[in-house]
Amino acid sequence: MSTKFALGLDLPKIGVQHHHAHIASCMAENHVREKVLGVALDGTGYGIDGKIWGGEFLIADYTAFDRVAHFQYVPMAGGDAAVREPWRIALGYLREAFGDQIPELPVFARIEEKRIRLVLAALARRINCVDTSSCGRLFDAVSAICGVRLETNYEGQAAIELEMKAAQIEDAYALETTLGPIDTRPVIRAVAEDVMRGVGVDVIAAKFHNAVARVILNVAQAVRSKEGLNRVALSGGTFQNFYLLSRAVALLRADGFEVLLHAAVPANDGGLALGQAVIASESIA
């Protein structure tokens, strides 16, 4: 809506990609101009390839960015309906992870069978589906698979309630991380298998959060090895999750990284305007 509004104004326009703005806002708050590895994790942002981004690793400064890694795209059936009903997102992730042999998880007993069939048919035929790399949607999917939250009443509810369940343990699901697309299917399989085995939600939630924190560290290590960058900026609404944030920061700092965080400026979309302003200012300076 804000983009449409801006396009209707009789003023010069400077387009700024959503996740680039997130990283620039964190850089600006920390008075940094040099390139950083920006980790932008959130629910929804329009990507330059026309898909929905949200699990992004960008080498960025105020003038440009290079997307060096991202969570693997997964089809999301129903658009905004999927955000309100995380079980739809869960089906998309499960179908990617298991193909047509999706396990009969306890959570599906709480959903009308006809609705499940309709969503699976939409996913199979790519009807009303959009690809997303969103970390927020990954959290929603895990929350639904665990039976924590199937429908939401406010933004981020499924992820927030999953965080509240997480035990204070160090175990993590194994997730191979390379630059480029990051395959999330092993985590989804491991979560589903633990649910089927009756593992407690507190343990599953913790192992999932810890896996994402380790992905952040592993990508940062790969970028440092290749590009020599030792400064990491964390931004996006997913970093309002204190469990994830604290684990990621601890891992990065223990490995010698300088970590840039938000304090005065919101990590979520409330901070976007600052990032947009500094990027636009740089382009016209």
C-alpha atoms as a PDB file:
ATOM      1  CA  MET A   1       0.000   0.000   0.000  1.00  0.00           C
ATOM      2  CA  SER A   2       2.816   2.414   0.816  1.00  0.00           C
ATOM      3  CA  THR A   3       4.464   1.715  -2.558  1.00  0.00           C
ATOM      4  CA  LYS A   4       1.212   2.329  -4.422  1.00  0.00           C
ATOM      5  CA  PHE A   5       0.738   5.556  -2.475  1.00  0.00           C
ATOM      6  CA  ALA A   6       4.267   6.731  -3.306  1.00  0.00           C
ATOM      7  CA  LEU A   7       3.874   5.917  -6.994  1.00  0.00           C
ATOM      8  CA  GLY A   8       0.824   8.161  -7.099  1.00  0.00           C
ATOM      9  CA  LEU A   9       2.748  11.214  -5.875  1.00  0.00           C
ATOM     10  CA  ASP A  10       4.140  13.797  -8.264  1.00  0.00           C
ATOM     11  CA  LEU A  11       7.622  13.484  -6.766  1.00  0.00           C
ATOM     12  CA  PRO A  12      10.877  11.708  -7.684  1.00  0.00           C
ATOM     13  CA  LYS A  13      10.803   8.039  -6.642  1.00  0.00           C
ATOM     14  CA  ILE A  14      13.665   5.896  -5.386  1.00  0.00           C
ATOM     15  CA  GLY A  15      12.853   2.213  -4.949  1.00  0.00           C
ATOM     16  CA  VAL A  16      14.485   0.451  -2.011  1.00  0.00           C
ATOM     17  CA  GLN A  17      14.283  -3.306  -1.529  1.00  0.00           C
ATOM     18  CA  HIS A  18      12.645  -4.265   1.777  1.00  0.00           C
ATOM     19  CA  HIS A  19      15.465  -6.346   3.284  1.00  0.00           C
ATOM     20  CA  HIS A  20      18.190  -3.988   2.084  1.00  0.00           C
ATOM     21  CA  ALA A  21      16.348  -1.287   4.044  1.00  0.00           C
ATOM     22  CA  HIS A  22      16.299  -3.490   7.148  1.00  0.00           C
ATOM     23  CA  ILE A  23      20.081  -3.916   7.051  1.00  0.00           C
ATOM     24  CA  ALA A  24      20.694  -0.247   6.260  1.00  0.00           C
ATOM     25  CA  SER A  25      18.580   0.771   9.256  1.00  0.00           C
ATOM     26  CA  CYS A  26      20.736  -1.384  11.542  1.00  0.00           C
ATOM     27  CA  MET A  27      23.911   0.010   9.984  1.00  0.00           C
ATOM     28  CA  ALA A  28      22.701   3.590  10.365  1.00  0.00           C
ATOM     29  CA  GLU A  29      21.745   3.089  13.999  1.00  0.00           C
ATOM     30  CA  ASN A  30      25.245   1.761  14.660  1.00  0.00           C
ATOM     31  CA  HIS A  31      26.963   4.512  12.602  1.00  0.00           C
ATOM     32  CA  VAL A  32      28.503   2.040  10.151  1.00  0.00           C
ATOM     33  CA  ARG A  33      29.043   2.733   6.451  1.00  0.00           C
ATOM     34  CA  GLU A  34      31.307  -0.119   5.378  1.00  0.00           C
ATOM     35  CA  LYS A  35      29.960  -3.394   3.940  1.00  0.00           C
ATOM     36  CA  VAL A  36      28.453  -5.890   6.361  1.00  0.00           C
ATOM     37  CA  LEU A  37      26.898  -9.298   6.205  1.00  0.00           C
ATOM     38  CA  GLY A  38      23.282  -8.409   6.806  1.00  0.00           C
ATOM     39  CA  VAL A  39      20.984 -11.111   8.155  1.00  0.00           C
ATOM     40  CA  ALA A  40      17.416  -9.995   7.428  1.00  0.00           C
ATOM     41  CA  LEU A  41      14.856 -12.415   8.840  1.00  0.00           C
ATOM     42  CA  ASP A  42      11.162 -11.533   8.842  1.00  0.00           C
ATOM     43  CA  GLY A  43       7.736 -12.557   7.616  1.00  0.00           C
ATOM     44  CA  THR A  44       7.208 -10.839   4.274  1.00  0.00           C
ATOM     45  CA  GLY A  45       9.151  -8.598   1.934  1.00  0.00           C
ATOM     46  CA  TYR A  46       8.942  -8.276  -1.832  1.00  0.00           C
ATOM     47  CA  GLY A  47      12.057  -9.688  -3.488  1.00  0.00           C
ATOM     48  CA  ILE A  48      13.752  -8.418  -6.630  1.00  0.00           C
ATOM     49  CA  ASP A  49      12.874 -11.722  -8.326  1.00  0.00           C
ATOM     50  CA  GLY A  50       9.149 -11.190  -7.723  1.00  0.00           C
ATOM     51  CA  LYS A  51       8.966 -13.755  -4.924  1.00  0.00           C
ATOM     52  CA  ILE A  52       8.349 -13.255  -1.211  1.00  0.00           C
ATOM     53  CA  TRP A  53      11.598 -12.947   0.710  1.00  0.00           C
ATOM     54  CA  GLY A  54      12.201 -13.147   4.442  1.00  0.00           C
ATOM     55  CA  GLY A  55      15.166 -15.425   5.120  1.00  0.00           C
ATOM     56  CA  GLU A  56      17.933 -13.340   3.581  1.00  0.00           C
ATOM     57  CA  PHE A  57      21.711 -13.057   3.925  1.00  0.00           C
ATOM     58  CA  LEU A  58      22.976  -9.952   2.150  1.00  0.00           C
ATOM     59  CA  ILE A  59      26.411  -8.438   1.715  1.00  0.00           C
ATOM     60  CA  ALA A  60      25.328  -4.825   1.835  1.00  0.00           C
ATOM     61  CA  ASP A  61      26.208  -1.192   2.249  1.00  0.00           C
ATOM     62  CA  TYR A  62      24.104   1.909   1.564  1.00  0.00           C
ATOM     63  CA  THR A  63      24.551   1.720  -2.208  1.00  0.00           C
ATOM     64  CA  ALA A  64      23.845  -1.924  -3.067  1.00  0.00           C
ATOM     65  CA  PHE A  65      23.477  -5.485  -1.842  1.00  0.00           C
ATOM     66  CA  ASP A  66      24.368  -8.977  -2.973  1.00  0.00           C
ATOM     67  CA  ARG A  67      22.125 -11.826  -1.837  1.00  0.00           C
ATOM     68  CA  VAL A  68      24.605 -14.558  -0.930  1.00  0.00           C
ATOM     69  CA  ALA A  69      22.263 -17.004   0.840  1.00  0.00           C
ATOM     70  CA  HIS A  70      18.602 -17.466   1.621  1.00  0.00           C
ATOM     71  CA  PHE A  71      16.205 -20.051   2.951  1.00  0.00           C
ATOM     72  CA  GLN A  72      14.938 -22.362   0.223  1.00  0.00           C
ATOM     73  CA  TYR A  73      11.737 -21.272  -1.516  1.00  0.00           C
ATOM     74  CA  VAL A  74       8.600 -23.118  -0.438  1.00  0.00           C
ATOM     75  CA  PRO A  75       5.143 -22.682  -2.012  1.00  0.00           C
ATOM     76  CA  MET A  76       2.600 -21.020   0.247  1.00  0.00           C
ATOM     77  CA  ALA A  77      -1.032 -21.780  -0.593  1.00  0.00           C
ATOM     78  CA  GLY A  78      -3.623 -19.070  -0.161  1.00  0.00           C
ATOM     79  CA  GLY A  79      -1.457 -15.965   0.199  1.00  0.00           C
ATOM     80  CA  ASP A  80      -2.599 -13.904   3.181  1.00  0.00           C
ATOM     81  CA  ALA A  81      -4.894 -16.749   4.262  1.00  0.00           C
ATOM     82  CA  ALA A  82      -1.796 -18.851   4.930  1.00  0.00           C
ATOM     83  CA  VAL A  83      -0.430 -16.172   7.271  1.00  0.00           C
ATOM     84  CA  ARG A  84      -3.663 -16.325   9.266  1.00  0.00           C
ATOM     85  CA  GLU A  85      -3.740 -20.139   9.151  1.00  0.00           C
ATOM     86  CA  PRO A  86      -0.209 -21.509   9.677  1.00  0.00           C
ATOM     87  CA  TRP A  87      -1.364 -25.092   9.109  1.00  0.00           C
ATOM     88  CA  ARG A  88      -1.529 -24.180   5.392  1.00  0.00           C
ATOM     89  CA  ILE A  89       2.114 -23.167   5.500  1.00  0.00           C
ATOM     90  CA  ALA A  90       2.952 -26.346   7.380  1.00  0.00           C
ATOM     91  CA  LEU A  91       1.435 -28.414   4.562  1.00  0.00           C
ATOM     92  CA  GLY A  92       3.612 -26.603   2.032  1.00  0.00           C
ATOM     93  CA  TYR A  93       6.770 -27.362   4.011  1.00  0.00           C
ATOM     94  CA  LEU A  94       5.731 -30.944   4.722  1.00  0.00           C
ATOM     95  CA  ARG A  95       4.955 -31.616   1.077  1.00  0.00           C
ATOM     96  CA  GLU A  96       8.377 -30.276   0.092  1.00  0.00           C
ATOM     97  CA  ALA A  97      10.036 -32.460   2.759  1.00  0.00           C
ATOM     98  CA  PHE A  98       8.064 -35.691   2.324  1.00  0.00           C
ATOM     99  CA  GLY A  99       6.506 -35.486  -1.135  1.00  0.00           C
ATOM    100  CA  ASP A 100       3.129 -37.233  -1.236  1.00  0.00           C
ATOM    101  CA  GLN A 101       3.969 -39.332   1.838  1.00  0.00           C
ATOM    102  CA  ILE A 102       3.182 -36.689   4.470  1.00  0.00           C
ATOM    103  CA  PRO A 103       3.065 -38.311   7.928  1.00  0.00           C
ATOM    104  CA  GLU A 104      -0.270 -38.384   9.754  1.00  0.00           C
ATOM    105  CA  LEU A 105       0.606 -35.855  12.422  1.00  0.00           C
ATOM    106  CA  PRO A 106      -1.737 -35.392  15.415  1.00  0.00           C
ATOM    107  CA  VAL A 107      -2.344 -31.766  14.463  1.00  0.00           C
ATOM    108  CA  PHE A 108      -4.247 -32.740  11.316  1.00  0.00           C
ATOM    109  CA  ALA A 109      -6.990 -34.347  13.385  1.00  0.00           C
ATOM    110  CA  ARG A 110      -7.934 -30.791  14.413  1.00  0.00           C
ATOM    111  CA  ILE A 111      -8.466 -29.639  10.820  1.00  0.00           C
ATOM    112  CA  GLU A 112     -11.375 -30.574   8.564  1.00  0.00           C
ATOM    113  CA  GLU A 113     -10.161 -33.224   6.098  1.00  0.00           C
ATOM    114  CA  LYS A 114     -11.777 -31.452   3.150  1.00  0.00           C
ATOM    115  CA  ARG A 115      -9.758 -28.295   3.860  1.00  0.00           C
ATOM    116  CA  ILE A 116      -6.522 -30.287   3.976  1.00  0.00           C
ATOM    117  CA  ARG A 117      -7.313 -31.942   0.641  1.00  0.00           C
ATOM    118  CA  LEU A 118      -8.056 -28.579  -0.971  1.00  0.00           C
ATOM    119  CA  VAL A 119      -4.760 -27.068   0.178  1.00  0.00           C
ATOM    120  CA  LEU A 120      -2.774 -30.130  -0.929  1.00  0.00           C
ATOM    121  CA  ALA A 121      -4.469 -29.984  -4.334  1.00  0.00           C
ATOM    122  CA  ALA A 122      -3.626 -26.272  -4.633  1.00  0.00           C
ATOM    123  CA  LEU A 123       0.004 -27.011  -3.760  1.00  0.00           C
ATOM    124  CA  ALA A 124       0.206 -29.874  -6.263  1.00  0.00           C
ATOM    125  CA  ARG A 125      -1.255 -27.769  -9.088  1.00  0.00           C
ATOM    126  CA  ARG A 126       0.352 -24.495  -8.006  1.00  0.00           C
ATOM    127  CA  ILE A 127      -3.052 -22.801  -7.763  1.00  0.00           C
ATOM    128  CA  ASN A 128      -3.050 -19.526  -5.794  1.00  0.00           C
ATOM    129  CA  CYS A 129       0.445 -20.294  -4.490  1.00  0.00           C
ATOM    130  CA  VAL A 130       3.377 -17.965  -4.001  1.00  0.00           C
ATOM    131  CA  ASP A 131       6.972 -19.003  -3.337  1.00  0.00           C
ATOM    132  CA  THR A 132       8.526 -17.690  -0.144  1.00  0.00           C
ATOM    133  CA  SER A 133      11.933 -17.842   1.527  1.00  0.00           C
ATOM    134  CA  SER A 134      10.485 -16.308   4.693  1.00  0.00           C
ATOM    135  CA  CYS A 135      11.982 -17.244   8.046  1.00  0.00           C
ATOM    136  CA  GLY A 136       8.770 -16.080   9.705  1.00  0.00           C
ATOM    137  CA  ARG A 137       6.766 -18.574   7.654  1.00  0.00           C
ATOM    138  CA  LEU A 138       9.238 -21.321   8.592  1.00  0.00           C
ATOM    139  CA  PHE A 139       8.576 -20.550  12.260  1.00  0.00           C
ATOM    140  CA  ASP A 140       4.824 -20.604  11.552  1.00  0.00           C
ATOM    141  CA  ALA A 141       5.137 -24.013   9.907  1.00  0.00           C
ATOM    142  CA  VAL A 142       7.035 -25.531  12.830  1.00  0.00           C
ATOM    143  CA  SER A 143       4.559 -24.022  15.291  1.00  0.00           C
ATOM    144  CA  ALA A 144       1.681 -25.644  13.404  1.00  0.00           C
ATOM    145  CA  ILE A 145       3.424 -29.016  12.980  1.00  0.00           C
ATOM    146  CA  CYS A 146       3.949 -29.105  16.754  1.00  0.00           C
ATOM    147  CA  GLY A 147       0.285 -28.228  17.319  1.00  0.00           C
ATOM    148  CA  VAL A 148       1.150 -24.980  19.088  1.00  0.00           C
ATOM    149  CA  ARG A 149      -0.834 -22.606  16.853  1.00  0.00           C
ATOM    150  CA  LEU A 150      -2.977 -23.457  13.803  1.00  0.00           C
ATOM    151  CA  GLU A 151      -4.724 -20.113  13.363  1.00  0.00           C
ATOM    152  CA  THR A 152      -3.499 -16.681  14.410  1.00  0.00           C
ATOM    153  CA  ASN A 153      -5.249 -13.664  15.864  1.00  0.00           C
ATOM    154  CA  TYR A 154      -2.345 -11.234  15.515  1.00  0.00           C
ATOM    155  CA  GLU A 155       0.916 -10.904  13.591  1.00  0.00           C
ATOM    156  CA  GLY A 156       3.642 -13.262  14.727  1.00  0.00           C
ATOM    157  CA  GLN A 157       1.439 -15.179  17.171  1.00  0.00           C
ATOM    158  CA  ALA A 158       2.481 -18.663  16.019  1.00  0.00           C
ATOM    159  CA  ALA A 159       6.191 -17.849  16.277  1.00  0.00           C
ATOM    160  CA  ILE A 160       5.788 -16.045  19.601  1.00  0.00           C
ATOM    161  CA  GLU A 161       3.993 -18.993  21.183  1.00  0.00           C
ATOM    162  CA  LEU A 162       6.598 -21.412  19.801  1.00  0.00           C
ATOM    163  CA  GLU A 163       9.351 -19.306  21.376  1.00  0.00           C
ATOM    164  CA  MET A 164       7.549 -19.338  24.723  1.00  0.00           C
ATOM    165  CA  LYS A 165       7.600 -23.160  24.658  1.00  0.00           C
ATOM    166  CA  ALA A 166      11.343 -23.502  24.020  1.00  0.00           C
ATOM    167  CA  ALA A 167      13.430 -25.189  26.713  1.00  0.00           C
ATOM    168  CA  GLN A 168      16.799 -23.791  27.750  1.00  0.00           C
ATOM    169  CA  ILE A 169      18.934 -26.500  26.153  1.00  0.00           C
ATOM    170  CA  GLU A 170      21.787 -26.475  23.651  1.00  0.00           C
ATOM    171  CA  ASP A 171      20.699 -29.355  21.383  1.00  0.00           C
ATOM    172  CA  ALA A 172      19.952 -28.412  17.780  1.00  0.00           C
ATOM    173  CA  TYR A 173      18.647 -30.084  14.650  1.00  0.00           C
ATOM    174  CA  ALA A 174      21.351 -30.704  12.052  1.00  0.00           C
ATOM    175  CA  LEU A 175      21.082 -28.402   9.055  1.00  0.00           C
ATOM    176  CA  GLU A 176      23.746 -28.311   6.370  1.00  0.00           C
ATOM    177  CA  THR A 177      24.439 -24.720   5.437  1.00  0.00           C
ATOM    178  CA  THR A 178      26.073 -23.449   2.266  1.00  0.00           C
ATOM    179  CA  LEU A 179      25.977 -20.163   0.413  1.00  0.00           C
ATOM    180  CA  GLY A 180      23.008 -20.019  -1.927  1.00  0.00           C
ATOM    181  CA  PRO A 181      19.676 -21.707  -1.111  1.00  0.00           C
ATOM    182  CA  ILE A 182      19.558 -23.234   2.381  1.00  0.00           C
ATOM    183  CA  ASP A 183      17.630 -26.521   2.342  1.00  0.00           C
ATOM    184  CA  THR A 184      15.090 -26.496   5.203  1.00  0.00           C
ATOM    185  CA  ARG A 185      13.669 -29.940   4.440  1.00  0.00           C
ATOM    186  CA  PRO A 186      15.925 -31.794   6.929  1.00  0.00           C
ATOM    187  CA  VAL A 187      14.665 -29.611   9.787  1.00  0.00           C
ATOM    188  CA  ILE A 188      11.028 -30.136   8.810  1.00  0.00           C
ATOM    189  CA  ARG A 189      11.566 -33.903   8.620  1.00  0.00           C
ATOM    190  CA  ALA A 190      13.294 -33.932  12.006  1.00  0.00           C
ATOM    191  CA  VAL A 191      10.544 -31.847  13.639  1.00  0.00           C
ATOM    192  CA  ALA A 192       7.794 -34.066  12.215  1.00  0.00           C
ATOM    193  CA  GLU A 193       9.600 -37.249  13.259  1.00  0.00           C
ATOM    194  CA  ASP A 194      10.091 -35.933  16.805  1.00  0.00           C
ATOM    195  CA  VAL A 195       6.386 -35.040  16.980  1.00  0.00           C
ATOM    196  CA  MET A 196       5.472 -38.563  15.867  1.00  0.00           C
ATOM    197  CA  ARG A 197       7.802 -40.018  18.524  1.00  0.00           C
ATOM    198  CA  GLY A 198       6.137 -37.961  21.226  1.00  0.00           C
ATOM    199  CA  VAL A 199       9.115 -35.702  21.977  1.00  0.00           C
ATOM    200  CA  GLY A 200       8.048 -32.702  24.058  1.00  0.00           C
ATOM    201  CA  VAL A 201       7.230 -29.445  22.291  1.00  0.00           C
ATOM    202  CA  ASP A 202       9.687 -27.630  24.584  1.00  0.00           C
ATOM    203  CA  VAL A 203      12.564 -29.757  23.268  1.00  0.00           C
ATOM    204  CA  ILE A 204      11.457 -29.539  19.622  1.00  0.00           C
ATOM    205  CA  ALA A 205      11.077 -25.754  19.838  1.00  0.00           C
ATOM    206  CA  ALA A 206      14.524 -25.370  21.401  1.00  0.00           C
ATOM    207  CA  LYS A 207      16.249 -27.620  18.865  1.00  0.00           C
ATOM    208  CA  PHE A 208      14.596 -25.688  16.040  1.00  0.00           C
ATOM    209  CA  HIS A 209      15.566 -22.254  17.401  1.00  0.00           C
ATOM    210  CA  ASN A 210      19.120 -23.457  17.973  1.00  0.00           C
ATOM    211  CA  ALA A 211      19.292 -24.817  14.412  1.00  0.00           C
ATOM    212  CA  VAL A 212      18.360 -21.407  12.970  1.00  0.00           C
ATOM    213  CA  ALA A 213      20.950 -19.700  15.207  1.00  0.00           C
ATOM    214  CA  ARG A 214      23.616 -22.098  13.925  1.00  0.00           C
ATOM    215  CA  VAL A 215      22.606 -21.412  10.318  1.00  0.00           C
ATOM    216  CA  ILE A 216      23.295 -17.724  10.960  1.00  0.00           C
ATOM    217  CA  LEU A 217      26.728 -18.560  12.352  1.00  0.00           C
ATOM    218  CA  ASN A 218      27.557 -20.975   9.523  1.00  0.00           C
ATOM    219  CA  VAL A 219      26.641 -18.485   6.779  1.00  0.00           C
ATOM    220  CA  ALA A 220      28.641 -15.781   8.567  1.00  0.00           C
ATOM    221  CA  GLN A 221      31.651 -18.110   8.714  1.00  0.00           C
ATOM    222  CA  ALA A 222      31.351 -18.936   5.006  1.00  0.00           C
ATOM    223  CA  VAL A 223      31.129 -15.249   4.071  1.00  0.00           C
ATOM    224  CA  ARG A 224      34.086 -14.347   6.285  1.00  0.00           C
ATOM    225  CA  SER A 225      36.144 -17.103   4.687  1.00  0.00           C
ATOM    226  CA  LYS A 226      35.237 -15.964   1.167  1.00  0.00           C
ATOM    227  CA  GLU A 227      34.926 -12.183   1.527  1.00  0.00           C
ATOM    228  CA  GLY A 228      36.830 -11.333   4.701  1.00  0.00           C
ATOM    229  CA  LEU A 229      33.809  -9.663   6.313  1.00  0.00           C
ATOM    230  CA  ASN A 230      33.729  -9.916  10.093  1.00  0.00           C
ATOM    231  CA  ARG A 231      30.815  -7.576  10.849  1.00  0.00           C
ATOM    232  CA  VAL A 232      27.265  -8.972  10.982  1.00  0.00           C
ATOM    233  CA  ALA A 233      24.097  -6.863  11.163  1.00  0.00           C
ATOM    234  CA  LEU A 234      20.918  -8.551  12.450  1.00  0.00           C
ATOM    235  CA  SER A 235      17.581  -7.012  11.452  1.00  0.00           C
ATOM    236  CA  GLY A 236      13.981  -7.916  10.659  1.00  0.00           C
ATOM    237  CA  GLY A 237      10.988  -8.815  12.803  1.00  0.00           C
ATOM    238  CA  THR A 238      12.182 -12.366  13.494  1.00  0.00           C
ATOM    239  CA  PHE A 239      14.924 -10.872  15.669  1.00  0.00           C
ATOM    240  CA  GLN A 240      12.269  -9.724  18.128  1.00  0.00           C
ATOM    241  CA  ASN A 241      12.449 -13.379  19.145  1.00  0.00           C
ATOM    242  CA  PHE A 242      14.798 -13.080  22.130  1.00  0.00           C
ATOM    243  CA  TYR A 243      15.574 -16.794  22.287  1.00  0.00           C
ATOM    244  CA  LEU A 244      16.828 -16.787  18.709  1.00  0.00           C
ATOM    245  CA  LEU A 245      18.547 -13.405  19.007  1.00  0.00           C
ATOM    246  CA  SER A 246      20.442 -14.258  22.190  1.00  0.00           C
ATOM    247  CA  ARG A 247      21.588 -17.646  20.855  1.00  0.00           C
ATOM    248  CA  ALA A 248      22.703 -16.203  17.507  1.00  0.00           C
ATOM    249  CA  VAL A 249      24.571 -13.294  19.105  1.00  0.00           C
ATOM    250  CA  ALA A 250      26.337 -15.595  21.574  1.00  0.00           C
ATOM    251  CA  LEU A 251      27.486 -17.934  18.777  1.00  0.00           C
ATOM    252  CA  LEU A 252      28.683 -15.081  16.565  1.00  0.00           C
ATOM    253  CA  ARG A 253      30.556 -13.255  19.312  1.00  0.00           C
ATOM    254  CA  ALA A 254      32.170 -16.466  20.553  1.00  0.00           C
ATOM    255  CA  ASP A 255      33.572 -16.903  17.034  1.00  0.00           C
ATOM    256  CA  GLY A 256      34.990 -13.386  16.917  1.00  0.00           C
ATOM    257  CA  PHE A 257      32.330 -11.575  14.894  1.00  0.00           C
ATOM    258  CA  GLU A 258      31.343  -7.971  15.533  1.00  0.00           C
ATOM    259  CA  VAL A 259      27.549  -7.979  15.817  1.00  0.00           C
ATOM    260  CA  LEU A 260      25.365  -4.959  15.039  1.00  0.00           C
ATOM    261  CA  LEU A 261      21.968  -4.906  16.766  1.00  0.00           C
ATOM    262  CA  HIS A 262      18.986  -2.609  17.083  1.00  0.00           C
ATOM    263  CA  ALA A 263      18.351  -0.670  20.285  1.00  0.00           C
ATOM    264  CA  ALA A 264      16.826   2.732  19.460  1.00  0.00           C
ATOM    265  CA  VAL A 265      15.322   1.710  16.104  1.00  0.00           C
ATOM    266  CA  PRO A 266      12.838  -1.192  15.820  1.00  0.00           C
ATOM    267  CA  ALA A 267      14.157  -4.397  14.266  1.00  0.00           C
ATOM    268  CA  ASN A 268      10.797  -4.960  12.586  1.00  0.00           C
ATOM    269  CA  ASP A 269       9.171  -2.885   9.835  1.00  0.00           C
ATOM    270  CA  GLY A 270       8.995   0.087  12.185  1.00  0.00           C
ATOM    271  CA  GLY A 271      12.666   0.621  11.371  1.00  0.00           C
ATOM    272  CA  LEU A 272      12.358   0.407   7.582  1.00  0.00           C
ATOM    273  CA  ALA A 273      11.928   4.148   7.016  1.00  0.00           C
ATOM    274  CA  LEU A 274      15.399   4.876   8.414  1.00  0.00           C
ATOM    275  CA  GLY A 275      16.958   2.324   6.087  1.00  0.00           C
ATOM    276  CA  GLN A 276      15.026   3.646   3.111  1.00  0.00           C
ATOM    277  CA  ALA A 277      16.083   7.208   3.939  1.00  0.00           C
ATOM    278  CA  VAL A 278      19.815   6.486   4.185  1.00  0.00           C
ATOM    279  CA  ILE A 279      19.823   4.390   0.995  1.00  0.00           C
ATOM    280  CA  ALA A 280      17.886   7.077  -0.890  1.00  0.00           C
ATOM    281  CA  SER A 281      20.153   9.784   0.499  1.00  0.00           C
ATOM    282  CA  GLU A 282      23.228   7.873  -0.665  1.00  0.00           C
ATOM    283  CA  SER A 283      21.803   7.523  -4.176  1.00  0.00           C
ATOM    284  CA  ILE A 284      21.267  11.269  -4.631  1.00  0.00           C
ATOM    285  CA  ALA A 285      24.329  12.545  -2.736  1.00  0.00           C
END
